[in-house]
Amino acid sequence: MAQHMHVNTPLLESVNMSKRVGTTVYLKMENSQPSGSFKLRGVAHMCQQLASRSKGIVCPSGGSAGMAAVYVARKMCLPATIIIPSSSPQLVVQRLQEQGATVKVVGKDFEDAIAEAFRIAETEGLVYVAPSDHPLIWQGNSSVITEVATSLGPNVKPGAVLISVGGGGLLCGVVQGLKDVGWVDVPIIAMETVGADSLNASVKAGRIVTLDDITSEAVCLGVKTVCKKAFEYTQSNEVSIISELVTDKQALHALETFLDEERVLVQMACGAALAAVYSGVVQRLQAEGRLPAHIGPLLVIVCGGSSINMEQLSMLKHKLGAI
């Protein structure tokens, strides 16, 4: 059996966040993965299954999946080509190149990058690595929940799991993980930002909706069509998924508060999940009766921060008028 490339990340209790919601808040610190985000779990699993004898890999990415892919490729001694849309920060291009990737900037949005990655995979004989929409990705990502179950022990179960949703790979992995550990009664609060809300729009419409455009600054959540499996989970009775939105300003406020209180800098995409606590989404869901008033510990998956630095944070504050 191939050795895992991801690390068993810390599960930390946040005193400040716990005070806000009146129950213990645990933070699963996926930002401490070697590549900077949870994406390493799924990407490494997929590459180890499919790419060991290949000429190389190609991965479309808004940032985090690319960082995971180039990390894995380096460990496997394979070349990596990362296709990113022009909406990605220059910081992402720079970091990917520093890690040894061939980076191509193609199109305006993520869908353009996916189409180009498929084309290159075919013409150059490379293995296509899906950022989120593939069973091997979900299987790899499910390990985040099995780790939490081991850390908490047999007598503790979360009252809810809070995650950010972009393409839906983490959501599918979390659902699979909850099934694996027998926590199917634990609800998932699936957070998106307004303008990168393909899951929420689909849930409201009762069918998969493709967004016209991505207008959110949380570019790592910027997938116009959420993966089919993620949407199907929202329509099934296997688990309870509550789809919620916050604004870019709320996501930005969440990441700044998190930086102040927990001394960790994460990106806007991660701020969406944190905002469920900082902007009162959890409390509102309790008031509406959609979550129990006395809820068990909350598990927040701190998905990552590979495409942010202080300069990028300043730019976001300026852009969103949050200065």
Protein backbone atom coordinates (compact mmCIF):
# COMPACT_ATOMS: atom_id res chain seq x y z
CA MET A 1 0.00 0.00 0.00
CA ALA A 2 1.35 3.42 -1.00
CA GLN A 3 2.39 5.68 1.82
CA HIS A 4 0.18 8.72 2.45
CA MET A 5 1.61 12.02 1.25
CA HIS A 6 -0.75 14.08 3.38
CA VAL A 7 -0.09 14.65 7.08
CA ASN A 8 -2.41 14.02 9.99
CA THR A 9 -3.27 17.67 10.68
CA PRO A 10 -3.82 19.15 14.16
CA LEU A 11 -7.33 19.26 15.63
CA LEU A 12 -7.38 22.36 17.81
CA GLU A 13 -9.99 23.75 20.16
CA SER A 14 -10.76 27.43 19.62
CA VAL A 15 -11.69 29.14 22.89
CA ASN A 16 -12.69 32.37 21.11
CA MET A 17 -14.93 30.71 18.54
CA SER A 18 -16.42 28.44 21.22
CA LYS A 19 -17.47 31.51 23.23
CA ARG A 20 -19.23 32.93 20.19
CA VAL A 21 -21.46 29.90 19.61
CA GLY A 22 -21.79 28.56 23.15
CA THR A 23 -20.38 25.14 22.31
CA THR A 24 -16.90 23.74 21.74
CA VAL A 25 -15.45 24.56 18.32
CA TYR A 26 -12.77 22.27 16.93
CA LEU A 27 -10.58 23.43 14.06
CA LYS A 28 -9.19 20.82 11.66
CA MET A 29 -6.09 22.67 10.48
CA GLU A 30 -5.81 21.58 6.87
CA ASN A 31 -3.80 24.73 6.13
CA SER A 32 -0.88 22.87 7.72
CA GLN A 33 -0.73 20.29 4.92
CA PRO A 34 2.62 20.47 3.07
CA SER A 35 0.86 21.98 0.04
CA GLY A 36 -1.16 24.42 2.17
CA SER A 37 -4.63 22.89 1.90
CA PHE A 38 -6.85 19.79 2.22
CA LYS A 39 -6.54 19.30 -1.56
CA LEU A 40 -3.40 17.24 -0.98
CA ARG A 41 -5.51 14.37 0.38
CA GLY A 42 -7.55 13.79 -2.76
CA VAL A 43 -4.92 14.81 -5.32
CA ALA A 44 -2.25 12.54 -3.79
CA HIS A 45 -4.68 9.62 -3.63
CA MET A 46 -5.67 10.08 -7.27
CA CYS A 47 -2.07 10.45 -8.48
CA GLN A 48 -0.87 7.43 -6.53
CA GLN A 49 -3.66 5.35 -8.07
CA LEU A 50 -3.33 6.57 -11.66
CA ALA A 51 -0.08 8.38 -12.35
CA SER A 52 2.80 6.25 -11.04
CA ARG A 53 3.85 5.07 -14.52
CA SER A 54 2.77 8.16 -16.44
CA LYS A 55 4.75 10.78 -18.37
CA GLY A 56 3.44 13.46 -16.05
CA ILE A 57 0.27 15.10 -14.76
CA VAL A 58 -1.85 18.08 -15.75
CA CYS A 59 -4.24 19.78 -13.33
CA PRO A 60 -6.59 22.75 -13.75
CA SER A 61 -6.64 24.87 -10.62
CA GLY A 62 -7.54 28.15 -8.99
CA GLY A 63 -4.51 27.64 -6.75
CA SER A 64 -4.84 25.03 -4.01
CA ALA A 65 -5.28 21.95 -6.22
CA GLY A 66 -2.32 23.08 -8.30
CA MET A 67 -0.13 23.43 -5.23
CA ALA A 68 -1.16 19.92 -4.18
CA ALA A 69 -0.54 18.50 -7.66
CA VAL A 70 2.94 19.99 -7.99
CA TYR A 71 3.87 18.77 -4.49
CA VAL A 72 2.72 15.23 -5.34
CA ALA A 73 4.41 15.31 -8.76
CA ARG A 74 7.71 16.32 -7.18
CA LYS A 75 7.45 13.45 -4.66
CA MET A 76 6.67 11.04 -7.50
CA CYS A 77 9.46 12.48 -9.72
CA LEU A 78 6.94 13.48 -12.40
CA PRO A 79 6.59 16.75 -14.34
CA ALA A 80 3.46 18.79 -13.52
CA THR A 81 1.59 21.20 -15.77
CA ILE A 82 -0.89 23.42 -13.96
CA ILE A 83 -3.55 25.31 -15.91
CA ILE A 84 -4.97 28.31 -14.10
CA PRO A 85 -7.52 30.95 -15.15
CA SER A 86 -6.51 34.60 -15.42
CA SER A 87 -8.69 35.38 -12.38
CA SER A 88 -6.10 33.70 -10.12
CA PRO A 89 -3.74 36.00 -8.19
CA GLN A 90 -0.22 36.45 -9.59
CA LEU A 91 0.96 35.09 -6.25
CA VAL A 92 -0.44 31.68 -7.27
CA VAL A 93 1.51 31.63 -10.55
CA GLN A 94 4.67 32.59 -8.72
CA ARG A 95 4.28 29.94 -6.01
CA LEU A 96 3.50 27.19 -8.50
CA GLN A 97 6.55 28.07 -10.58
CA GLU A 98 8.74 28.19 -7.48
CA GLN A 99 7.60 24.62 -6.71
CA GLY A 100 8.70 23.49 -10.17
CA ALA A 101 5.43 23.43 -12.13
CA THR A 102 4.94 24.45 -15.75
CA VAL A 103 2.16 27.03 -15.41
CA LYS A 104 -0.19 28.05 -18.21
CA VAL A 105 -2.71 30.85 -17.72
CA VAL A 106 -5.73 30.08 -19.90
CA GLY A 107 -9.10 31.79 -20.17
CA LYS A 108 -11.02 33.88 -17.69
CA ASP A 109 -12.52 31.22 -15.48
CA PHE A 110 -12.05 27.74 -14.14
CA GLU A 111 -14.09 26.04 -16.87
CA ASP A 112 -11.62 27.35 -19.51
CA ALA A 113 -8.74 25.90 -17.47
CA ILE A 114 -10.50 22.51 -17.23
CA ALA A 115 -11.08 22.36 -21.01
CA GLU A 116 -7.42 23.19 -21.69
CA ALA A 117 -6.18 20.63 -19.15
CA PHE A 118 -8.28 17.91 -20.82
CA ARG A 119 -6.87 18.92 -24.22
CA ILE A 120 -3.27 18.79 -22.98
CA ALA A 121 -3.85 15.45 -21.24
CA GLU A 122 -5.03 14.01 -24.54
CA THR A 123 -2.45 15.54 -26.86
CA GLU A 124 0.59 15.09 -24.60
CA GLY A 125 -0.38 11.79 -22.97
CA LEU A 126 -0.48 13.19 -19.43
CA VAL A 127 -2.71 12.02 -16.59
CA TYR A 128 -5.54 14.48 -15.95
CA VAL A 129 -5.88 15.24 -12.24
CA ALA A 130 -9.34 16.45 -11.27
CA PRO A 131 -9.39 19.20 -8.64
CA SER A 132 -12.70 18.01 -7.18
CA ASP A 133 -14.95 15.95 -9.45
CA HIS A 134 -13.67 12.37 -9.24
CA PRO A 135 -14.39 9.41 -6.89
CA LEU A 136 -10.66 9.02 -6.09
CA ILE A 137 -10.53 12.67 -5.00
CA TRP A 138 -13.53 12.16 -2.71
CA GLN A 139 -12.03 8.97 -1.31
CA GLY A 140 -8.78 10.79 -0.51
CA ASN A 141 -10.60 13.76 1.03
CA SER A 142 -12.72 11.47 3.23
CA SER A 143 -9.63 10.82 5.37
CA VAL A 144 -10.11 14.24 6.98
CA ILE A 145 -13.17 12.90 8.85
CA THR A 146 -11.66 9.54 9.78
CA GLU A 147 -8.74 11.42 11.33
CA VAL A 148 -11.11 13.64 13.34
CA ALA A 149 -13.01 10.58 14.59
CA THR A 150 -9.74 9.03 15.78
CA SER A 151 -8.68 12.29 17.48
CA LEU A 152 -12.02 12.81 19.26
CA GLY A 153 -12.30 9.20 20.39
CA PRO A 154 -15.37 6.95 20.53
CA ASN A 155 -17.45 9.07 22.92
CA VAL A 156 -17.42 12.43 21.12
CA LYS A 157 -19.30 13.26 17.93
CA PRO A 158 -19.60 16.67 16.23
CA GLY A 159 -22.91 18.50 16.34
CA ALA A 160 -22.21 19.78 12.82
CA VAL A 161 -19.37 20.03 10.29
CA LEU A 162 -18.67 23.44 8.74
CA ILE A 163 -17.00 23.51 5.34
CA SER A 164 -16.46 25.78 2.35
CA VAL A 165 -17.74 24.57 -1.03
CA GLY A 166 -16.16 25.34 -4.40
CA GLY A 167 -16.23 22.46 -6.86
CA GLY A 168 -17.68 20.11 -4.24
CA GLY A 169 -14.72 17.75 -3.75
CA LEU A 170 -14.42 18.45 -0.04
CA LEU A 171 -18.20 18.15 0.46
CA CYS A 172 -18.24 14.73 -1.26
CA GLY A 173 -15.23 13.63 0.77
CA VAL A 174 -16.80 14.76 4.04
CA VAL A 175 -20.04 12.91 3.23
CA GLN A 176 -18.05 9.76 2.48
CA GLY A 177 -16.02 10.22 5.67
CA LEU A 178 -19.17 10.66 7.80
CA LYS A 179 -20.54 7.43 6.34
CA ASP A 180 -17.24 5.63 6.98
CA VAL A 181 -17.24 6.52 10.69
CA GLY A 182 -21.00 6.11 11.24
CA TRP A 183 -21.77 9.83 11.68
CA VAL A 184 -24.47 10.11 9.02
CA ASP A 185 -26.73 12.00 11.45
CA VAL A 186 -24.18 14.86 11.69
CA PRO A 187 -25.34 17.79 9.52
CA ILE A 188 -22.95 19.56 7.15
CA ILE A 189 -23.14 23.34 6.86
CA ALA A 190 -21.93 24.01 3.31
CA MET A 191 -20.71 27.60 3.00
CA GLU A 192 -20.24 29.62 -0.20
CA THR A 193 -19.75 33.28 -1.00
CA VAL A 194 -22.27 35.29 -3.00
CA GLY A 195 -21.00 35.26 -6.59
CA ALA A 196 -19.37 31.81 -6.26
CA ASP A 197 -22.53 30.01 -5.18
CA SER A 198 -23.07 27.22 -7.71
CA LEU A 199 -24.21 24.72 -5.05
CA ASN A 200 -26.62 27.14 -3.35
CA ALA A 201 -28.11 28.22 -6.70
CA SER A 202 -28.60 24.55 -7.63
CA VAL A 203 -30.20 23.70 -4.26
CA LYS A 204 -32.62 26.63 -4.66
CA ALA A 205 -33.51 25.60 -8.23
CA GLY A 206 -33.76 21.88 -7.43
CA ARG A 207 -31.46 21.10 -10.37
CA ILE A 208 -27.83 21.72 -11.29
CA VAL A 209 -27.37 25.37 -12.22
CA THR A 210 -24.39 26.82 -14.07
CA LEU A 211 -23.56 30.38 -12.97
CA ASP A 212 -23.20 33.00 -15.70
CA ASP A 213 -20.08 34.41 -14.11
CA ILE A 214 -17.95 34.27 -10.97
CA THR A 215 -18.15 37.65 -9.27
CA SER A 216 -16.78 36.70 -5.82
CA GLU A 217 -13.22 37.53 -4.77
CA ALA A 218 -13.04 34.04 -3.23
CA VAL A 219 -11.57 32.79 -6.51
CA CYS A 220 -10.76 29.32 -5.13
CA LEU A 221 -14.52 28.78 -4.73
CA GLY A 222 -15.10 30.04 -8.28
CA VAL A 223 -16.54 27.01 -10.06
CA LYS A 224 -19.55 27.82 -12.24
CA THR A 225 -21.03 24.31 -11.97
CA VAL A 226 -20.71 22.29 -8.78
CA CYS A 227 -19.96 18.59 -9.27
CA LYS A 228 -23.00 16.40 -9.87
CA LYS A 229 -22.31 14.13 -6.90
CA ALA A 230 -22.24 17.07 -4.47
CA PHE A 231 -25.61 18.28 -5.71
CA GLU A 232 -27.05 14.74 -5.53
CA TYR A 233 -26.02 14.52 -1.87
CA THR A 234 -28.07 17.66 -1.12
CA GLN A 235 -31.13 15.99 -2.67
CA SER A 236 -30.74 12.61 -0.95
CA ASN A 237 -31.58 11.55 2.59
CA GLU A 238 -28.14 10.04 3.22
CA VAL A 239 -26.94 13.09 5.14
CA SER A 240 -28.28 16.52 6.03
CA ILE A 241 -26.59 19.33 4.08
CA ILE A 242 -27.50 22.92 4.87
CA SER A 243 -26.39 25.27 2.07
CA GLU A 244 -25.66 28.84 3.22
CA LEU A 245 -24.16 32.01 1.76
CA VAL A 246 -22.04 34.84 3.12
CA THR A 247 -20.82 37.96 1.35
CA ASP A 248 -17.21 38.54 0.34
CA LYS A 249 -17.01 41.17 3.08
CA GLN A 250 -18.17 38.63 5.68
CA ALA A 251 -15.60 36.08 4.42
CA LEU A 252 -12.89 38.75 4.56
CA HIS A 253 -13.94 39.82 8.06
CA ALA A 254 -13.82 36.14 9.11
CA LEU A 255 -10.28 35.59 7.84
CA GLU A 256 -9.11 38.83 9.52
CA THR A 257 -10.72 37.85 12.82
CA PHE A 258 -9.20 34.38 12.51
CA LEU A 259 -5.79 35.96 11.92
CA ASP A 260 -6.20 38.17 15.00
CA GLU A 261 -7.55 35.48 17.32
CA GLU A 262 -5.90 32.26 16.09
CA ARG A 263 -2.74 33.79 14.56
CA VAL A 264 -3.28 31.96 11.26
CA LEU A 265 -3.70 33.52 7.81
CA VAL A 266 -6.08 31.67 5.47
CA GLN A 267 -7.57 32.59 2.11
CA MET A 268 -11.00 33.98 1.27
CA ALA A 269 -12.33 30.55 0.28
CA CYS A 270 -11.62 29.33 3.81
CA GLY A 271 -13.13 32.51 5.25
CA ALA A 272 -16.53 31.35 3.99
CA ALA A 273 -16.56 28.41 6.43
CA LEU A 274 -15.19 30.53 9.29
CA ALA A 275 -17.89 33.14 8.63
CA ALA A 276 -20.52 30.57 9.63
CA VAL A 277 -19.32 31.24 13.19
CA TYR A 278 -18.10 34.84 12.95
CA SER A 279 -21.15 36.17 11.05
CA GLY A 280 -23.77 34.36 13.11
CA VAL A 281 -24.93 31.79 10.55
CA VAL A 282 -24.83 28.97 13.12
CA GLN A 283 -26.78 31.05 15.64
CA ARG A 284 -29.38 31.98 13.00
CA LEU A 285 -29.83 28.32 12.00
CA GLN A 286 -30.37 27.49 15.68
CA ALA A 287 -32.95 30.29 16.00
CA GLU A 288 -34.74 28.96 12.90
CA GLY A 289 -34.81 25.44 14.38
CA ARG A 290 -32.63 24.04 11.58
CA LEU A 291 -29.89 23.22 14.10
CA PRO A 292 -30.50 22.17 17.73
CA ALA A 293 -30.40 24.97 20.33
CA HIS A 294 -28.03 22.85 22.43
CA ILE A 295 -25.66 21.57 19.81
CA GLY A 296 -22.65 19.29 20.22
CA PRO A 297 -19.14 20.44 19.32
CA LEU A 298 -18.75 22.13 15.95
CA LEU A 299 -16.06 20.89 13.59
CA VAL A 300 -14.70 23.58 11.27
CA ILE A 301 -12.50 22.36 8.43
CA VAL A 302 -9.91 25.10 7.96
CA CYS A 303 -9.39 24.19 4.33
CA GLY A 304 -6.26 26.22 3.59
CA GLY A 305 -4.38 29.31 2.62
CA SER A 306 -1.88 28.71 -0.17
CA SER A 307 -2.98 31.70 -2.28
CA ILE A 308 -2.80 34.50 0.28
CA ASN A 309 -0.14 36.70 1.81
CA MET A 310 -0.25 40.10 3.52
CA GLU A 311 -0.03 41.96 0.20
CA GLN A 312 -2.94 39.95 -1.19
CA LEU A 313 -4.92 40.61 2.00
CA SER A 314 -4.33 44.37 1.63
CA MET A 315 -5.50 44.23 -1.99
CA LEU A 316 -8.68 42.38 -0.97
CA LYS A 317 -9.41 44.93 1.75
CA HIS A 318 -8.93 47.75 -0.73
CA LYS A 319 -11.08 46.06 -3.40
CA LEU A 320 -13.94 45.31 -1.01
CA GLY A 321 -13.80 48.73 0.62
CA ALA A 322 -13.06 47.15 3.97
CA ILE A 323 -10.29 49.53 5.00
